[in-house]
Amino acid sequence: MAKKHSARFLELVEEARKRVPELSIEEVKTKLEGGEKFRLIDVREGEEFARGHLPGAESLCKGILERDIEEKVPDAETPVVLYCGGGYRSALAGENLQKMGYKKVWSMWGGWRAWSEAGFPTEE
């Protein structure tokens, strides 16, 4: 079930969505199935990741993303797809990665919720 978000939070997310390119769940699935090279990062909290995540995803929650991204993804030219529960946190996270110099960052709109509701493959 989708969480009800505050107006200010939604405004912040909408501004980020204007700057961070988005991919649909279908586009991400196609990239995964095609063996495309990119880093898939789940920015949800650790307990959310533990309950289930996209195949091959790495956990780097939004709370520590900026602190630890350079260790996990040192090359700012590496393609990075971020996702969260619905696409809000990943848009905000993507905007910060852009500010840090990452050039190829996308947010998956719909997030885990849309992915799992579509019946796409998951891992635990």
N, C-alpha and C. Protein backbone atom coordinates (compact mmCIF):
# COMPACT_ATOMS: atom_id res chain seq x y z
N MET A 1 0.84 -1.17 0.00
CA MET A 1 0.00 0.00 0.00
C MET A 1 0.89 1.25 0.00
N ALA A 2 0.54 2.20 -0.84
CA ALA A 2 1.31 3.43 -0.96
C ALA A 2 1.12 4.30 0.28
N LYS A 3 2.20 4.91 0.68
CA LYS A 3 2.18 5.80 1.84
C LYS A 3 1.70 7.17 1.38
N LYS A 4 0.97 7.85 2.24
CA LYS A 4 0.54 9.23 1.94
C LYS A 4 1.69 10.16 2.31
N HIS A 5 2.09 10.98 1.35
CA HIS A 5 3.23 11.87 1.55
C HIS A 5 2.77 13.31 1.73
N SER A 6 3.57 14.07 2.45
CA SER A 6 3.26 15.47 2.69
C SER A 6 3.45 16.29 1.41
N ALA A 7 2.77 17.41 1.36
CA ALA A 7 2.82 18.28 0.19
C ALA A 7 4.24 18.79 -0.09
N ARG A 8 4.96 19.17 0.96
CA ARG A 8 6.32 19.70 0.76
C ARG A 8 7.27 18.61 0.25
N PHE A 9 7.11 17.41 0.78
CA PHE A 9 7.94 16.30 0.30
C PHE A 9 7.65 16.05 -1.18
N LEU A 10 6.38 16.00 -1.56
CA LEU A 10 6.01 15.76 -2.95
C LEU A 10 6.53 16.86 -3.87
N GLU A 11 6.53 18.09 -3.39
CA GLU A 11 7.06 19.20 -4.18
C GLU A 11 8.56 19.02 -4.40
N LEU A 12 9.27 18.62 -3.36
CA LEU A 12 10.71 18.36 -3.47
C LEU A 12 10.99 17.25 -4.47
N VAL A 13 10.20 16.18 -4.39
CA VAL A 13 10.36 15.05 -5.31
C VAL A 13 10.09 15.48 -6.75
N GLU A 14 9.02 16.24 -6.96
CA GLU A 14 8.68 16.68 -8.32
C GLU A 14 9.80 17.54 -8.92
N GLU A 15 10.42 18.36 -8.12
CA GLU A 15 11.57 19.15 -8.61
C GLU A 15 12.73 18.24 -9.00
N ALA A 16 13.00 17.24 -8.19
CA ALA A 16 14.08 16.29 -8.50
C ALA A 16 13.76 15.50 -9.76
N ARG A 17 12.51 15.12 -9.93
CA ARG A 17 12.11 14.34 -11.11
C ARG A 17 12.30 15.11 -12.41
N LYS A 18 12.32 16.43 -12.34
CA LYS A 18 12.57 17.25 -13.53
C LYS A 18 14.02 17.15 -13.98
N ARG A 19 14.91 16.81 -13.04
CA ARG A 19 16.34 16.80 -13.33
C ARG A 19 16.94 15.39 -13.45
N VAL A 20 16.29 14.42 -12.85
CA VAL A 20 16.83 13.05 -12.87
C VAL A 20 16.03 12.23 -13.87
N PRO A 21 16.68 11.72 -14.91
CA PRO A 21 15.94 10.90 -15.88
C PRO A 21 15.37 9.66 -15.21
N GLU A 22 14.24 9.23 -15.71
CA GLU A 22 13.56 8.06 -15.14
C GLU A 22 13.46 6.93 -16.15
N LEU A 23 13.46 5.74 -15.61
CA LEU A 23 13.20 4.53 -16.39
C LEU A 23 11.96 3.87 -15.81
N SER A 24 11.19 3.24 -16.67
CA SER A 24 10.05 2.47 -16.20
C SER A 24 10.53 1.11 -15.70
N ILE A 25 9.67 0.41 -14.99
CA ILE A 25 10.05 -0.93 -14.54
C ILE A 25 10.31 -1.84 -15.74
N GLU A 26 9.56 -1.65 -16.82
CA GLU A 26 9.75 -2.46 -18.03
C GLU A 26 11.11 -2.19 -18.66
N GLU A 27 11.53 -0.93 -18.67
CA GLU A 27 12.84 -0.58 -19.23
C GLU A 27 13.97 -1.19 -18.41
N VAL A 28 13.84 -1.16 -17.09
CA VAL A 28 14.87 -1.76 -16.24
C VAL A 28 14.89 -3.28 -16.43
N LYS A 29 13.73 -3.89 -16.52
CA LYS A 29 13.66 -5.34 -16.74
C LYS A 29 14.35 -5.70 -18.07
N THR A 30 14.11 -4.92 -19.10
CA THR A 30 14.74 -5.16 -20.40
C THR A 30 16.26 -5.03 -20.31
N LYS A 31 16.73 -4.03 -19.57
CA LYS A 31 18.18 -3.85 -19.38
C LYS A 31 18.78 -5.07 -18.67
N LEU A 32 18.11 -5.53 -17.62
CA LEU A 32 18.60 -6.69 -16.88
C LEU A 32 18.62 -7.94 -17.75
N GLU A 33 17.52 -8.18 -18.45
CA GLU A 33 17.43 -9.37 -19.30
C GLU A 33 18.41 -9.33 -20.46
N GLY A 34 18.73 -8.12 -20.93
CA GLY A 34 19.67 -7.96 -22.04
C GLY A 34 21.13 -7.98 -21.62
N GLY A 35 21.37 -8.11 -20.32
CA GLY A 35 22.74 -8.16 -19.82
C GLY A 35 23.47 -6.83 -19.90
N GLU A 36 22.71 -5.75 -19.97
CA GLU A 36 23.32 -4.43 -20.03
C GLU A 36 24.14 -4.17 -18.77
N LYS A 37 25.25 -3.49 -18.91
CA LYS A 37 26.14 -3.21 -17.78
C LYS A 37 25.74 -1.91 -17.10
N PHE A 38 25.29 -2.03 -15.86
CA PHE A 38 24.97 -0.88 -15.02
C PHE A 38 24.90 -1.36 -13.59
N ARG A 39 24.99 -0.41 -12.66
CA ARG A 39 24.86 -0.73 -11.23
C ARG A 39 23.42 -0.45 -10.83
N LEU A 40 22.80 -1.44 -10.22
CA LEU A 40 21.42 -1.34 -9.76
C LEU A 40 21.45 -1.19 -8.25
N ILE A 41 21.05 -0.02 -7.77
CA ILE A 41 21.18 0.28 -6.35
C ILE A 41 19.81 0.53 -5.73
N ASP A 42 19.53 -0.23 -4.70
CA ASP A 42 18.30 -0.12 -3.92
C ASP A 42 18.58 0.87 -2.79
N VAL A 43 17.87 2.01 -2.80
CA VAL A 43 18.13 3.02 -1.78
C VAL A 43 17.15 2.94 -0.60
N ARG A 44 16.36 1.86 -0.55
CA ARG A 44 15.46 1.66 0.59
C ARG A 44 16.28 1.29 1.82
N GLU A 45 15.64 1.27 2.97
CA GLU A 45 16.30 0.88 4.21
C GLU A 45 16.68 -0.61 4.14
N GLY A 46 17.66 -0.99 4.94
CA GLY A 46 18.17 -2.36 4.93
C GLY A 46 17.13 -3.42 5.17
N GLU A 47 16.19 -3.16 6.09
CA GLU A 47 15.15 -4.16 6.35
C GLU A 47 14.20 -4.31 5.17
N GLU A 48 13.99 -3.24 4.41
CA GLU A 48 13.16 -3.34 3.20
C GLU A 48 13.87 -4.21 2.16
N PHE A 49 15.16 -3.97 1.99
CA PHE A 49 15.97 -4.74 1.05
C PHE A 49 15.94 -6.23 1.43
N ALA A 50 16.07 -6.51 2.72
CA ALA A 50 16.12 -7.90 3.20
C ALA A 50 14.82 -8.65 2.90
N ARG A 51 13.70 -7.94 2.87
CA ARG A 51 12.40 -8.58 2.59
C ARG A 51 12.24 -8.93 1.12
N GLY A 52 13.03 -8.32 0.26
CA GLY A 52 12.97 -8.61 -1.16
C GLY A 52 13.52 -7.45 -1.96
N HIS A 53 14.14 -7.78 -3.10
CA HIS A 53 14.74 -6.76 -3.96
C HIS A 53 14.84 -7.25 -5.39
N LEU A 54 15.20 -6.37 -6.29
CA LEU A 54 15.37 -6.73 -7.68
C LEU A 54 16.59 -7.63 -7.84
N PRO A 55 16.58 -8.53 -8.82
CA PRO A 55 17.72 -9.41 -9.04
C PRO A 55 19.00 -8.62 -9.31
N GLY A 56 20.04 -8.95 -8.57
CA GLY A 56 21.33 -8.32 -8.76
C GLY A 56 21.48 -6.95 -8.12
N ALA A 57 20.47 -6.49 -7.41
CA ALA A 57 20.54 -5.16 -6.79
C ALA A 57 21.50 -5.15 -5.62
N GLU A 58 22.09 -3.98 -5.39
CA GLU A 58 22.96 -3.74 -4.25
C GLU A 58 22.23 -2.81 -3.30
N SER A 59 22.39 -3.03 -2.02
CA SER A 59 21.75 -2.17 -1.03
C SER A 59 22.68 -1.03 -0.63
N LEU A 60 22.19 0.19 -0.78
CA LEU A 60 22.91 1.37 -0.33
C LEU A 60 21.84 2.39 0.02
N CYS A 61 21.34 2.31 1.25
CA CYS A 61 20.17 3.10 1.62
C CYS A 61 20.43 4.60 1.50
N LYS A 62 19.37 5.31 1.28
CA LYS A 62 19.45 6.74 1.06
C LYS A 62 20.17 7.47 2.19
N GLY A 63 20.08 6.96 3.39
CA GLY A 63 20.73 7.60 4.52
C GLY A 63 22.25 7.61 4.46
N ILE A 64 22.84 6.67 3.71
CA ILE A 64 24.30 6.60 3.62
C ILE A 64 24.82 6.66 2.19
N LEU A 65 23.92 6.84 1.26
CA LEU A 65 24.29 6.81 -0.16
C LEU A 65 25.44 7.76 -0.49
N GLU A 66 25.28 9.02 -0.15
CA GLU A 66 26.29 10.01 -0.49
C GLU A 66 27.62 9.71 0.20
N ARG A 67 27.55 9.18 1.40
CA ARG A 67 28.77 8.86 2.14
C ARG A 67 29.54 7.70 1.50
N ASP A 68 28.83 6.68 1.02
CA ASP A 68 29.47 5.44 0.59
C ASP A 68 29.50 5.19 -0.91
N ILE A 69 28.86 6.03 -1.71
CA ILE A 69 28.77 5.74 -3.14
C ILE A 69 30.13 5.66 -3.82
N GLU A 70 31.06 6.53 -3.44
CA GLU A 70 32.36 6.53 -4.12
C GLU A 70 33.15 5.26 -3.85
N GLU A 71 32.90 4.62 -2.72
CA GLU A 71 33.55 3.34 -2.43
C GLU A 71 32.96 2.24 -3.31
N LYS A 72 31.62 2.24 -3.44
CA LYS A 72 30.96 1.20 -4.24
C LYS A 72 31.06 1.45 -5.73
N VAL A 73 30.95 2.72 -6.13
CA VAL A 73 30.96 3.09 -7.55
C VAL A 73 31.94 4.25 -7.71
N PRO A 74 33.24 3.95 -7.79
CA PRO A 74 34.23 5.02 -7.84
C PRO A 74 34.24 5.82 -9.15
N ASP A 75 33.83 5.21 -10.25
CA ASP A 75 33.85 5.88 -11.55
C ASP A 75 32.53 6.61 -11.78
N ALA A 76 32.57 7.93 -11.84
CA ALA A 76 31.35 8.74 -12.00
C ALA A 76 30.72 8.58 -13.38
N GLU A 77 31.38 7.87 -14.29
CA GLU A 77 30.81 7.60 -15.62
C GLU A 77 30.03 6.27 -15.65
N THR A 78 30.07 5.51 -14.57
CA THR A 78 29.36 4.24 -14.50
C THR A 78 27.86 4.48 -14.52
N PRO A 79 27.12 3.79 -15.39
CA PRO A 79 25.67 3.91 -15.36
C PRO A 79 25.10 3.35 -14.05
N VAL A 80 24.22 4.12 -13.42
CA VAL A 80 23.63 3.75 -12.14
C VAL A 80 22.11 3.91 -12.23
N VAL A 81 21.40 2.83 -11.89
CA VAL A 81 19.93 2.90 -11.79
C VAL A 81 19.59 2.75 -10.32
N LEU A 82 18.86 3.72 -9.80
CA LEU A 82 18.42 3.73 -8.41
C LEU A 82 16.94 3.38 -8.33
N TYR A 83 16.56 2.67 -7.27
CA TYR A 83 15.14 2.47 -7.03
C TYR A 83 14.86 2.44 -5.54
N CYS A 84 13.61 2.67 -5.21
CA CYS A 84 13.15 2.65 -3.82
C CYS A 84 11.76 2.00 -3.82
N GLY A 85 10.92 2.38 -2.89
CA GLY A 85 9.60 1.78 -2.82
C GLY A 85 8.67 2.21 -3.93
N GLY A 86 8.76 3.48 -4.34
CA GLY A 86 7.85 3.98 -5.36
C GLY A 86 8.47 4.91 -6.38
N GLY A 87 9.69 5.35 -6.15
CA GLY A 87 10.36 6.24 -7.09
C GLY A 87 10.63 7.63 -6.53
N TYR A 88 10.22 7.87 -5.29
CA TYR A 88 10.40 9.19 -4.69
C TYR A 88 11.80 9.34 -4.11
N ARG A 89 12.16 8.44 -3.22
CA ARG A 89 13.50 8.51 -2.60
C ARG A 89 14.59 8.36 -3.65
N SER A 90 14.34 7.51 -4.66
CA SER A 90 15.37 7.31 -5.69
C SER A 90 15.57 8.57 -6.53
N ALA A 91 14.52 9.35 -6.77
CA ALA A 91 14.67 10.61 -7.49
C ALA A 91 15.52 11.58 -6.68
N LEU A 92 15.23 11.68 -5.38
CA LEU A 92 16.01 12.57 -4.51
C LEU A 92 17.47 12.10 -4.45
N ALA A 93 17.67 10.80 -4.34
CA ALA A 93 19.03 10.25 -4.29
C ALA A 93 19.76 10.51 -5.60
N GLY A 94 19.07 10.35 -6.71
CA GLY A 94 19.68 10.59 -8.01
C GLY A 94 20.14 12.02 -8.18
N GLU A 95 19.35 12.94 -7.68
CA GLU A 95 19.72 14.34 -7.76
C GLU A 95 21.02 14.59 -6.99
N ASN A 96 21.16 13.99 -5.83
CA ASN A 96 22.40 14.16 -5.06
C ASN A 96 23.59 13.53 -5.76
N LEU A 97 23.40 12.36 -6.39
CA LEU A 97 24.51 11.76 -7.13
C LEU A 97 24.94 12.65 -8.28
N GLN A 98 23.97 13.28 -8.94
CA GLN A 98 24.32 14.22 -10.02
C GLN A 98 25.15 15.37 -9.45
N LYS A 99 24.78 15.88 -8.30
CA LYS A 99 25.52 16.97 -7.67
C LYS A 99 26.95 16.53 -7.33
N MET A 100 27.12 15.23 -7.09
CA MET A 100 28.44 14.68 -6.76
C MET A 100 29.25 14.36 -8.01
N GLY A 101 28.68 14.60 -9.19
CA GLY A 101 29.42 14.40 -10.43
C GLY A 101 29.09 13.15 -11.20
N TYR A 102 28.16 12.34 -10.73
CA TYR A 102 27.76 11.15 -11.47
C TYR A 102 26.95 11.57 -12.68
N LYS A 103 27.36 11.08 -13.84
CA LYS A 103 26.82 11.55 -15.11
C LYS A 103 25.67 10.71 -15.66
N LYS A 104 25.64 9.43 -15.32
CA LYS A 104 24.66 8.49 -15.91
C LYS A 104 23.82 7.87 -14.81
N VAL A 105 22.90 8.67 -14.28
CA VAL A 105 22.06 8.25 -13.16
C VAL A 105 20.60 8.29 -13.59
N TRP A 106 19.89 7.21 -13.30
CA TRP A 106 18.45 7.13 -13.56
C TRP A 106 17.74 6.69 -12.29
N SER A 107 16.49 7.08 -12.20
CA SER A 107 15.61 6.63 -11.12
C SER A 107 14.53 5.76 -11.75
N MET A 108 14.24 4.64 -11.12
CA MET A 108 13.18 3.75 -11.64
C MET A 108 11.84 4.19 -11.06
N TRP A 109 11.00 4.76 -11.90
CA TRP A 109 9.69 5.23 -11.45
C TRP A 109 8.79 4.03 -11.17
N GLY A 110 8.08 4.09 -10.06
CA GLY A 110 7.21 2.99 -9.63
C GLY A 110 7.86 2.13 -8.58
N GLY A 111 9.19 2.04 -8.63
CA GLY A 111 9.98 1.37 -7.62
C GLY A 111 9.62 -0.09 -7.37
N TRP A 112 10.01 -0.53 -6.19
CA TRP A 112 9.78 -1.90 -5.76
C TRP A 112 8.30 -2.27 -5.84
N ARG A 113 7.45 -1.36 -5.44
CA ARG A 113 6.02 -1.63 -5.41
C ARG A 113 5.51 -2.01 -6.81
N ALA A 114 5.82 -1.20 -7.81
CA ALA A 114 5.36 -1.48 -9.17
C ALA A 114 6.02 -2.75 -9.71
N TRP A 115 7.30 -2.93 -9.42
CA TRP A 115 8.04 -4.11 -9.89
C TRP A 115 7.39 -5.39 -9.35
N SER A 116 7.18 -5.43 -8.05
CA SER A 116 6.63 -6.65 -7.44
C SER A 116 5.16 -6.86 -7.83
N GLU A 117 4.39 -5.78 -7.94
CA GLU A 117 2.99 -5.90 -8.37
C GLU A 117 2.88 -6.42 -9.80
N ALA A 118 3.88 -6.13 -10.63
CA ALA A 118 3.90 -6.62 -12.01
C ALA A 118 4.29 -8.10 -12.09
N GLY A 119 4.74 -8.64 -10.96
CA GLY A 119 5.14 -10.05 -10.94
C GLY A 119 6.51 -10.30 -11.52
N PHE A 120 7.32 -9.26 -11.62
CA PHE A 120 8.67 -9.41 -12.16
C PHE A 120 9.54 -10.15 -11.15
N PRO A 121 10.64 -10.76 -11.60
CA PRO A 121 11.50 -11.56 -10.71
C PRO A 121 12.06 -10.74 -9.54
N THR A 122 12.16 -11.39 -8.40
CA THR A 122 12.73 -10.77 -7.21
C THR A 122 13.67 -11.74 -6.52
N GLU A 123 14.45 -11.23 -5.59
CA GLU A 123 15.34 -12.04 -4.77
C GLU A 123 15.12 -11.66 -3.32
N GLU A 124 15.48 -12.57 -2.41
CA GLU A 124 15.44 -12.28 -0.97
C GLU A 124 16.81 -12.45 -0.40
